[in-house]
Amino acid sequence: MDWTEEGYILAVKPHGETSAIINILTKTRGRHAGLVRGGRSRRLRPVLQPGNKVTARWQARLSEHLGSFNVEALDAQAAIFMEHRTSLAGLNSISALCMAALPERESHENLYTVFEILLDNLHDLDIWPALYIRFELALLQALGYGLDLSKCAATGSIENLTHISPRSGRAVSAGAAEPYLDKMIPLPGFLNGTNRLQPGDIVKGLDLTGYFLETRVFHAMNKETPPERNRLVDLLTAAQESSE
């Protein structure tokens, strides 16, 4: 077995004295692990950092084997993210969610595209938190738990969608949601077609995706939400409160 593809480093684990086992996210082969011989060397350590884009050649005698990677750097963004606390927290959360939730070797091309757009903007705090929420929505979609934000579940209306039903994951209009507000999850405006961020929208969006990640994805796996995500939520919540 032999293939070559571009991908992003998600995680690196030491193996023996000189090697490392890495996980990368690729477009057509999904999350994929492999052994990098000499991965702990001075030459490869800067390359094998989460967030870096690489060209990876995977080789194994049989498809079910761990196999080995030969990697070459394409875009070493990790160093940039490490200079900014919040960007680094975002990268850590993205990587941890992919590692915890994505089945290995299962292709999710749309998720890969959203992942790539998010990383390309992770240096700009004015942009990436909203993109991060869209990444979590894409992750839910890839795992079979996509939310339906297109129309009201009760009336079919596409206007004034303000909430999400926690039971169905479908949007609900303001009028239909009114009698059940204590049971509904607020839908931030930038996700319902207005494309404009309002104060509080980021925290609302994180609450929304966090609820479905916890109850649909990680509960079914008997796992907790990765602590990296919780740390990111705390940072972004604090940032919002300080700006109010």
C-alpha atoms as a PDB file:
ATOM      1  CA  MET A   1       0.000   0.000   0.000  1.00  0.00           C
ATOM      2  CA  ASP A   2       1.364   3.391  -0.995  1.00  0.00           C
ATOM      3  CA  TRP A   3      -0.259   6.817  -1.344  1.00  0.00           C
ATOM      4  CA  THR A   4       0.736  10.474  -1.148  1.00  0.00           C
ATOM      5  CA  GLU A   5      -1.504  13.334  -0.076  1.00  0.00           C
ATOM      6  CA  GLU A   6      -1.447  16.756   1.529  1.00  0.00           C
ATOM      7  CA  GLY A   7      -2.760  17.089   5.050  1.00  0.00           C
ATOM      8  CA  TYR A   8      -2.573  18.878   8.395  1.00  0.00           C
ATOM      9  CA  ILE A   9      -0.824  17.569  11.482  1.00  0.00           C
ATOM     10  CA  LEU A  10      -3.362  16.922  14.263  1.00  0.00           C
ATOM     11  CA  ALA A  11      -1.321  15.157  16.935  1.00  0.00           C
ATOM     12  CA  VAL A  12       2.172  13.822  17.564  1.00  0.00           C
ATOM     13  CA  LYS A  13       3.123  11.122  20.082  1.00  0.00           C
ATOM     14  CA  PRO A  14       6.701   9.997  20.797  1.00  0.00           C
ATOM     15  CA  HIS A  15       7.453   6.408  19.852  1.00  0.00           C
ATOM     16  CA  GLY A  16      10.650   4.829  21.111  1.00  0.00           C
ATOM     17  CA  GLU A  17      13.753   6.964  21.363  1.00  0.00           C
ATOM     18  CA  THR A  18      13.759   8.565  17.932  1.00  0.00           C
ATOM     19  CA  SER A  19      10.413   8.095  16.180  1.00  0.00           C
ATOM     20  CA  ALA A  20       6.901   9.516  16.462  1.00  0.00           C
ATOM     21  CA  ILE A  21       3.374   8.436  15.651  1.00  0.00           C
ATOM     22  CA  ILE A  22       1.443  11.231  13.979  1.00  0.00           C
ATOM     23  CA  ASN A  23      -2.174  11.768  13.016  1.00  0.00           C
ATOM     24  CA  ILE A  24      -2.915  13.939  10.006  1.00  0.00           C
ATOM     25  CA  LEU A  25      -6.175  15.166   8.490  1.00  0.00           C
ATOM     26  CA  THR A  26      -6.354  14.646   4.735  1.00  0.00           C
ATOM     27  CA  LYS A  27      -9.037  15.481   2.210  1.00  0.00           C
ATOM     28  CA  THR A  28      -9.749  12.045   0.763  1.00  0.00           C
ATOM     29  CA  ARG A  29      -8.397   9.691   3.435  1.00  0.00           C
ATOM     30  CA  GLY A  30      -9.689  11.471   6.530  1.00  0.00           C
ATOM     31  CA  ARG A  31      -7.832  11.249   9.808  1.00  0.00           C
ATOM     32  CA  HIS A  32      -4.913   8.913   9.290  1.00  0.00           C
ATOM     33  CA  ALA A  33      -2.137   7.730  11.615  1.00  0.00           C
ATOM     34  CA  GLY A  34       1.356   6.530  10.800  1.00  0.00           C
ATOM     35  CA  LEU A  35       4.878   6.162  12.122  1.00  0.00           C
ATOM     36  CA  VAL A  36       7.524   8.757  11.263  1.00  0.00           C
ATOM     37  CA  ARG A  37      10.993   7.313  11.710  1.00  0.00           C
ATOM     38  CA  GLY A  38      13.337   9.953  13.103  1.00  0.00           C
ATOM     39  CA  GLY A  39      10.296  12.079  13.944  1.00  0.00           C
ATOM     40  CA  ARG A  40      11.943  13.378  17.116  1.00  0.00           C
ATOM     41  CA  SER A  41      15.026  14.638  15.293  1.00  0.00           C
ATOM     42  CA  ARG A  42      15.980  18.318  15.144  1.00  0.00           C
ATOM     43  CA  ARG A  43      15.099  18.368  11.455  1.00  0.00           C
ATOM     44  CA  LEU A  44      11.596  16.951  11.816  1.00  0.00           C
ATOM     45  CA  ARG A  45      10.447  18.319  15.180  1.00  0.00           C
ATOM     46  CA  PRO A  46       9.594  21.775  13.730  1.00  0.00           C
ATOM     47  CA  VAL A  47       7.682  20.089  10.885  1.00  0.00           C
ATOM     48  CA  LEU A  48       5.695  17.723  13.088  1.00  0.00           C
ATOM     49  CA  GLN A  49       3.693  20.375  14.923  1.00  0.00           C
ATOM     50  CA  PRO A  50      -0.129  20.466  15.052  1.00  0.00           C
ATOM     51  CA  GLY A  51      -1.453  22.957  12.518  1.00  0.00           C
ATOM     52  CA  ASN A  52       1.361  22.521  10.011  1.00  0.00           C
ATOM     53  CA  LYS A  53       0.446  21.499   6.478  1.00  0.00           C
ATOM     54  CA  VAL A  54       2.564  18.715   5.006  1.00  0.00           C
ATOM     55  CA  THR A  55       2.872  16.408   2.061  1.00  0.00           C
ATOM     56  CA  ALA A  56       2.716  12.879   3.460  1.00  0.00           C
ATOM     57  CA  ARG A  57       3.614   9.620   1.767  1.00  0.00           C
ATOM     58  CA  TRP A  58       2.130   6.609   3.590  1.00  0.00           C
ATOM     59  CA  GLN A  59       3.458   3.108   3.047  1.00  0.00           C
ATOM     60  CA  ALA A  60       2.470  -0.229   4.549  1.00  0.00           C
ATOM     61  CA  ARG A  61       2.536  -3.875   3.534  1.00  0.00           C
ATOM     62  CA  LEU A  62      -1.182  -4.259   4.297  1.00  0.00           C
ATOM     63  CA  SER A  63      -3.907  -1.607   4.462  1.00  0.00           C
ATOM     64  CA  GLU A  64      -4.815  -2.472   8.061  1.00  0.00           C
ATOM     65  CA  HIS A  65      -1.253  -1.871   9.302  1.00  0.00           C
ATOM     66  CA  LEU A  66      -0.216   1.346  11.048  1.00  0.00           C
ATOM     67  CA  GLY A  67       2.211   2.048   8.233  1.00  0.00           C
ATOM     68  CA  SER A  68       4.866   4.735   8.046  1.00  0.00           C
ATOM     69  CA  PHE A  69       4.887   8.325   6.842  1.00  0.00           C
ATOM     70  CA  ASN A  70       7.515  10.342   5.033  1.00  0.00           C
ATOM     71  CA  VAL A  71       6.567  13.986   5.440  1.00  0.00           C
ATOM     72  CA  GLU A  72       7.673  17.275   3.913  1.00  0.00           C
ATOM     73  CA  ALA A  73       6.594  20.698   5.138  1.00  0.00           C
ATOM     74  CA  LEU A  74       4.287  22.791   2.973  1.00  0.00           C
ATOM     75  CA  ASP A  75       3.125  25.521   5.363  1.00  0.00           C
ATOM     76  CA  ALA A  76       4.568  25.857   8.865  1.00  0.00           C
ATOM     77  CA  GLN A  77       1.796  27.873  10.512  1.00  0.00           C
ATOM     78  CA  ALA A  78       2.182  26.391  13.982  1.00  0.00           C
ATOM     79  CA  ALA A  79       4.833  28.916  15.014  1.00  0.00           C
ATOM     80  CA  ILE A  80       2.470  31.800  14.194  1.00  0.00           C
ATOM     81  CA  PHE A  81      -0.370  30.326  16.274  1.00  0.00           C
ATOM     82  CA  MET A  82       1.939  29.802  19.249  1.00  0.00           C
ATOM     83  CA  GLU A  83       2.507  33.556  19.449  1.00  0.00           C
ATOM     84  CA  HIS A  84      -1.146  34.182  20.262  1.00  0.00           C
ATOM     85  CA  ARG A  85      -2.760  32.530  23.266  1.00  0.00           C
ATOM     86  CA  THR A  86      -6.288  32.462  21.888  1.00  0.00           C
ATOM     87  CA  SER A  87      -5.242  31.246  18.440  1.00  0.00           C
ATOM     88  CA  LEU A  88      -3.234  28.449  20.054  1.00  0.00           C
ATOM     89  CA  ALA A  89      -6.266  27.508  22.156  1.00  0.00           C
ATOM     90  CA  GLY A  90      -8.347  27.424  18.983  1.00  0.00           C
ATOM     91  CA  LEU A  91      -5.848  25.156  17.249  1.00  0.00           C
ATOM     92  CA  ASN A  92      -5.688  22.847  20.269  1.00  0.00           C
ATOM     93  CA  SER A  93      -9.474  22.575  20.356  1.00  0.00           C
ATOM     94  CA  ILE A  94      -9.772  21.882  16.620  1.00  0.00           C
ATOM     95  CA  SER A  95      -7.135  19.171  16.798  1.00  0.00           C
ATOM     96  CA  ALA A  96      -8.574  17.585  19.944  1.00  0.00           C
ATOM     97  CA  LEU A  97     -12.091  17.459  18.483  1.00  0.00           C
ATOM     98  CA  CYS A  98     -10.850  15.782  15.306  1.00  0.00           C
ATOM     99  CA  MET A  99      -8.831  13.268  17.291  1.00  0.00           C
ATOM    100  CA  ALA A 100     -11.666  12.470  19.686  1.00  0.00           C
ATOM    101  CA  ALA A 101     -14.611  12.439  17.290  1.00  0.00           C
ATOM    102  CA  LEU A 102     -13.482  11.469  13.797  1.00  0.00           C
ATOM    103  CA  PRO A 103     -13.231   7.768  12.926  1.00  0.00           C
ATOM    104  CA  GLU A 104      -9.853   6.960  11.438  1.00  0.00           C
ATOM    105  CA  ARG A 105      -9.527   6.668   7.635  1.00  0.00           C
ATOM    106  CA  GLU A 106     -13.028   8.009   6.938  1.00  0.00           C
ATOM    107  CA  SER A 107     -13.112  10.757   4.315  1.00  0.00           C
ATOM    108  CA  HIS A 108     -15.014  13.989   5.020  1.00  0.00           C
ATOM    109  CA  GLU A 109     -14.084  16.383   2.230  1.00  0.00           C
ATOM    110  CA  ASN A 110     -16.427  19.212   3.260  1.00  0.00           C
ATOM    111  CA  LEU A 111     -15.100  19.137   6.819  1.00  0.00           C
ATOM    112  CA  TYR A 112     -11.537  19.246   5.475  1.00  0.00           C
ATOM    113  CA  THR A 113     -12.394  22.362   3.446  1.00  0.00           C
ATOM    114  CA  VAL A 114     -13.911  24.121   6.481  1.00  0.00           C
ATOM    115  CA  PHE A 115     -10.908  23.048   8.589  1.00  0.00           C
ATOM    116  CA  GLU A 116      -8.531  24.550   6.020  1.00  0.00           C
ATOM    117  CA  ILE A 117     -10.429  27.858   5.824  1.00  0.00           C
ATOM    118  CA  LEU A 118     -10.437  28.109   9.607  1.00  0.00           C
ATOM    119  CA  LEU A 119      -6.693  27.506   9.916  1.00  0.00           C
ATOM    120  CA  ASP A 120      -5.985  30.041   7.170  1.00  0.00           C
ATOM    121  CA  ASN A 121      -7.744  32.694   9.298  1.00  0.00           C
ATOM    122  CA  LEU A 122      -6.697  31.581  12.774  1.00  0.00           C
ATOM    123  CA  HIS A 123      -4.393  34.589  13.115  1.00  0.00           C
ATOM    124  CA  ASP A 124      -7.325  37.050  12.940  1.00  0.00           C
ATOM    125  CA  LEU A 125      -9.408  37.117  16.136  1.00  0.00           C
ATOM    126  CA  ASP A 126     -12.057  39.273  14.461  1.00  0.00           C
ATOM    127  CA  ILE A 127     -12.819  36.478  11.986  1.00  0.00           C
ATOM    128  CA  TRP A 128     -11.956  33.034  13.217  1.00  0.00           C
ATOM    129  CA  PRO A 129     -14.298  32.510  16.218  1.00  0.00           C
ATOM    130  CA  ALA A 130     -17.300  32.590  13.865  1.00  0.00           C
ATOM    131  CA  LEU A 131     -15.474  30.258  11.470  1.00  0.00           C
ATOM    132  CA  TYR A 132     -14.688  27.985  14.402  1.00  0.00           C
ATOM    133  CA  ILE A 133     -18.398  27.598  15.147  1.00  0.00           C
ATOM    134  CA  ARG A 134     -19.011  26.736  11.501  1.00  0.00           C
ATOM    135  CA  PHE A 135     -16.258  24.135  11.807  1.00  0.00           C
ATOM    136  CA  GLU A 136     -18.084  22.523  14.725  1.00  0.00           C
ATOM    137  CA  LEU A 137     -21.313  22.561  12.699  1.00  0.00           C
ATOM    138  CA  ALA A 138     -19.440  20.870   9.835  1.00  0.00           C
ATOM    139  CA  LEU A 139     -18.058  18.302  12.282  1.00  0.00           C
ATOM    140  CA  LEU A 140     -21.584  17.501  13.487  1.00  0.00           C
ATOM    141  CA  GLN A 141     -22.692  17.175   9.858  1.00  0.00           C
ATOM    142  CA  ALA A 142     -19.805  14.845   9.030  1.00  0.00           C
ATOM    143  CA  LEU A 143     -20.696  12.607  11.964  1.00  0.00           C
ATOM    144  CA  GLY A 144     -24.353  12.369  10.963  1.00  0.00           C
ATOM    145  CA  TYR A 145     -25.738  14.911  13.446  1.00  0.00           C
ATOM    146  CA  GLY A 146     -26.082  17.947  11.215  1.00  0.00           C
ATOM    147  CA  LEU A 147     -28.390  20.752  12.313  1.00  0.00           C
ATOM    148  CA  ASP A 148     -31.132  21.975   9.994  1.00  0.00           C
ATOM    149  CA  LEU A 149     -30.997  25.780   9.984  1.00  0.00           C
ATOM    150  CA  SER A 150     -32.900  26.194   6.711  1.00  0.00           C
ATOM    151  CA  LYS A 151     -36.488  26.638   7.924  1.00  0.00           C
ATOM    152  CA  CYS A 152     -38.746  26.495  10.973  1.00  0.00           C
ATOM    153  CA  ALA A 153     -39.484  22.948  12.081  1.00  0.00           C
ATOM    154  CA  ALA A 154     -43.003  23.956  13.169  1.00  0.00           C
ATOM    155  CA  THR A 155     -44.193  26.311  10.413  1.00  0.00           C
ATOM    156  CA  GLY A 156     -41.819  25.847   7.481  1.00  0.00           C
ATOM    157  CA  SER A 157     -41.043  29.564   7.506  1.00  0.00           C
ATOM    158  CA  ILE A 158     -37.545  30.720   6.553  1.00  0.00           C
ATOM    159  CA  GLU A 159     -37.984  34.087   8.295  1.00  0.00           C
ATOM    160  CA  ASN A 160     -36.998  35.140  11.830  1.00  0.00           C
ATOM    161  CA  LEU A 161     -35.360  31.873  12.849  1.00  0.00           C
ATOM    162  CA  THR A 162     -34.250  32.453  16.433  1.00  0.00           C
ATOM    163  CA  HIS A 163     -33.896  29.097  18.183  1.00  0.00           C
ATOM    164  CA  ILE A 164     -32.946  25.447  17.739  1.00  0.00           C
ATOM    165  CA  SER A 165     -34.934  22.528  19.086  1.00  0.00           C
ATOM    166  CA  PRO A 166     -32.614  20.464  21.321  1.00  0.00           C
ATOM    167  CA  ARG A 167     -34.600  17.357  20.449  1.00  0.00           C
ATOM    168  CA  SER A 168     -34.630  17.556  16.659  1.00  0.00           C
ATOM    169  CA  GLY A 169     -31.688  19.879  15.929  1.00  0.00           C
ATOM    170  CA  ARG A 170     -33.950  21.940  13.660  1.00  0.00           C
ATOM    171  CA  ALA A 171     -34.474  25.699  13.575  1.00  0.00           C
ATOM    172  CA  VAL A 172     -37.585  27.286  15.091  1.00  0.00           C
ATOM    173  CA  SER A 173     -39.004  30.733  14.344  1.00  0.00           C
ATOM    174  CA  ALA A 174     -39.549  33.327  17.069  1.00  0.00           C
ATOM    175  CA  GLY A 175     -43.320  32.878  17.120  1.00  0.00           C
ATOM    176  CA  ALA A 176     -43.235  29.092  17.273  1.00  0.00           C
ATOM    177  CA  ALA A 177     -40.511  29.125  19.918  1.00  0.00           C
ATOM    178  CA  GLU A 178     -42.250  31.618  22.205  1.00  0.00           C
ATOM    179  CA  PRO A 179     -44.191  29.095  24.361  1.00  0.00           C
ATOM    180  CA  TYR A 180     -41.090  26.919  24.823  1.00  0.00           C
ATOM    181  CA  LEU A 181     -38.263  29.420  25.305  1.00  0.00           C
ATOM    182  CA  ASP A 182     -37.026  27.722  28.460  1.00  0.00           C
ATOM    183  CA  LYS A 183     -36.442  24.527  26.460  1.00  0.00           C
ATOM    184  CA  MET A 184     -34.997  26.029  23.270  1.00  0.00           C
ATOM    185  CA  ILE A 185     -31.384  26.850  22.389  1.00  0.00           C
ATOM    186  CA  PRO A 186     -30.816  30.383  21.022  1.00  0.00           C
ATOM    187  CA  LEU A 187     -29.667  30.550  17.395  1.00  0.00           C
ATOM    188  CA  PRO A 188     -27.146  33.376  16.862  1.00  0.00           C
ATOM    189  CA  GLY A 189     -28.048  35.697  14.029  1.00  0.00           C
ATOM    190  CA  PHE A 190     -24.921  35.114  11.957  1.00  0.00           C
ATOM    191  CA  LEU A 191     -25.992  31.490  11.491  1.00  0.00           C
ATOM    192  CA  ASN A 192     -29.530  32.224  10.317  1.00  0.00           C
ATOM    193  CA  GLY A 193     -28.624  34.131   7.187  1.00  0.00           C
ATOM    194  CA  THR A 194     -27.957  37.657   8.439  1.00  0.00           C
ATOM    195  CA  ASN A 195     -24.166  37.100   8.276  1.00  0.00           C
ATOM    196  CA  ARG A 196     -23.590  39.851  10.828  1.00  0.00           C
ATOM    197  CA  LEU A 197     -22.126  39.233  14.253  1.00  0.00           C
ATOM    198  CA  GLN A 198     -24.003  40.733  17.169  1.00  0.00           C
ATOM    199  CA  PRO A 199     -22.741  41.030  20.758  1.00  0.00           C
ATOM    200  CA  GLY A 200     -22.962  37.656  22.433  1.00  0.00           C
ATOM    201  CA  ASP A 201     -23.248  35.670  19.189  1.00  0.00           C
ATOM    202  CA  ILE A 202     -19.972  33.782  19.618  1.00  0.00           C
ATOM    203  CA  VAL A 203     -20.870  32.486  23.074  1.00  0.00           C
ATOM    204  CA  LYS A 204     -24.365  31.575  21.870  1.00  0.00           C
ATOM    205  CA  GLY A 205     -22.857  29.707  18.945  1.00  0.00           C
ATOM    206  CA  LEU A 206     -20.443  27.820  21.195  1.00  0.00           C
ATOM    207  CA  ASP A 207     -23.307  26.904  23.531  1.00  0.00           C
ATOM    208  CA  LEU A 208     -25.308  25.631  20.556  1.00  0.00           C
ATOM    209  CA  THR A 209     -22.636  23.443  18.988  1.00  0.00           C
ATOM    210  CA  GLY A 210     -21.334  22.395  22.398  1.00  0.00           C
ATOM    211  CA  TYR A 211     -24.739  21.035  23.396  1.00  0.00           C
ATOM    212  CA  PHE A 212     -24.987  18.801  20.338  1.00  0.00           C
ATOM    213  CA  LEU A 213     -21.343  17.717  20.476  1.00  0.00           C
ATOM    214  CA  GLU A 214     -21.835  16.645  24.080  1.00  0.00           C
ATOM    215  CA  THR A 215     -25.250  14.997  23.792  1.00  0.00           C
ATOM    216  CA  ARG A 216     -25.033  13.491  20.313  1.00  0.00           C
ATOM    217  CA  VAL A 217     -21.360  12.750  19.757  1.00  0.00           C
ATOM    218  CA  PHE A 218     -19.422  12.297  22.970  1.00  0.00           C
ATOM    219  CA  HIS A 219     -22.234  10.876  25.082  1.00  0.00           C
ATOM    220  CA  ALA A 220     -22.686   8.133  22.479  1.00  0.00           C
ATOM    221  CA  MET A 221     -18.937   7.407  22.661  1.00  0.00           C
ATOM    222  CA  ASN A 222     -18.978   7.435  26.473  1.00  0.00           C
ATOM    223  CA  LYS A 223     -16.493  10.304  26.374  1.00  0.00           C
ATOM    224  CA  GLU A 224     -16.274  13.778  27.854  1.00  0.00           C
ATOM    225  CA  THR A 225     -15.965  16.855  25.675  1.00  0.00           C
ATOM    226  CA  PRO A 226     -12.207  17.441  25.189  1.00  0.00           C
ATOM    227  CA  PRO A 227     -10.818  19.822  27.833  1.00  0.00           C
ATOM    228  CA  GLU A 228      -9.110  21.789  25.047  1.00  0.00           C
ATOM    229  CA  ARG A 229     -12.538  22.896  23.857  1.00  0.00           C
ATOM    230  CA  ASN A 230     -13.589  23.902  27.362  1.00  0.00           C
ATOM    231  CA  ARG A 231     -10.470  26.046  27.710  1.00  0.00           C
ATOM    232  CA  LEU A 232     -11.203  27.755  24.398  1.00  0.00           C
ATOM    233  CA  VAL A 233     -14.789  28.479  25.439  1.00  0.00           C
ATOM    234  CA  ASP A 234     -13.521  30.057  28.674  1.00  0.00           C
ATOM    235  CA  LEU A 235     -11.095  32.287  26.751  1.00  0.00           C
ATOM    236  CA  LEU A 236     -13.654  33.440  24.182  1.00  0.00           C
ATOM    237  CA  THR A 237     -16.290  34.017  26.870  1.00  0.00           C
ATOM    238  CA  ALA A 238     -13.835  36.136  28.867  1.00  0.00           C
ATOM    239  CA  ALA A 239     -12.939  38.078  25.719  1.00  0.00           C
ATOM    240  CA  GLN A 240     -16.594  38.805  25.054  1.00  0.00           C
ATOM    241  CA  GLU A 241     -17.242  39.929  28.626  1.00  0.00           C
ATOM    242  CA  SER A 242     -14.258  42.265  28.572  1.00  0.00           C
ATOM    243  CA  SER A 243     -15.504  43.909  25.373  1.00  0.00           C
ATOM    244  CA  GLU A 244     -18.989  44.630  26.722  1.00  0.00           C
END
